[in-house]
């Protein structure tokens, strides 16, 4: 399946940076995923849905009790480039 290949490729090429910040009693974890291919969807809403789905499957693959509600925000960083996929910023809102 194409998605499983994509997930395996993402795992192999992934560089993850995490940082913590305490802001108004909310603990936020930011994770940046690199080299995840971008969607071919025309609408930004549809591209974001696919990015959300990829992030959910990625975190679920670690079997750590991840729930899709743990993701508070997903978006691509920088301007779109045909030659290189933009990193994905995943903000995890953990209590």
Foldseek 3Di string as FASTA:
>chain_A
DVLVVLLVVQVVPWDWDWDWDADPNWTKIKIKTFQRDFDPDDDPVVRQVVQLVSVVVNVVVVVPPDDSLQWPDWDFDDDDDPPGGGIIITMGGDD
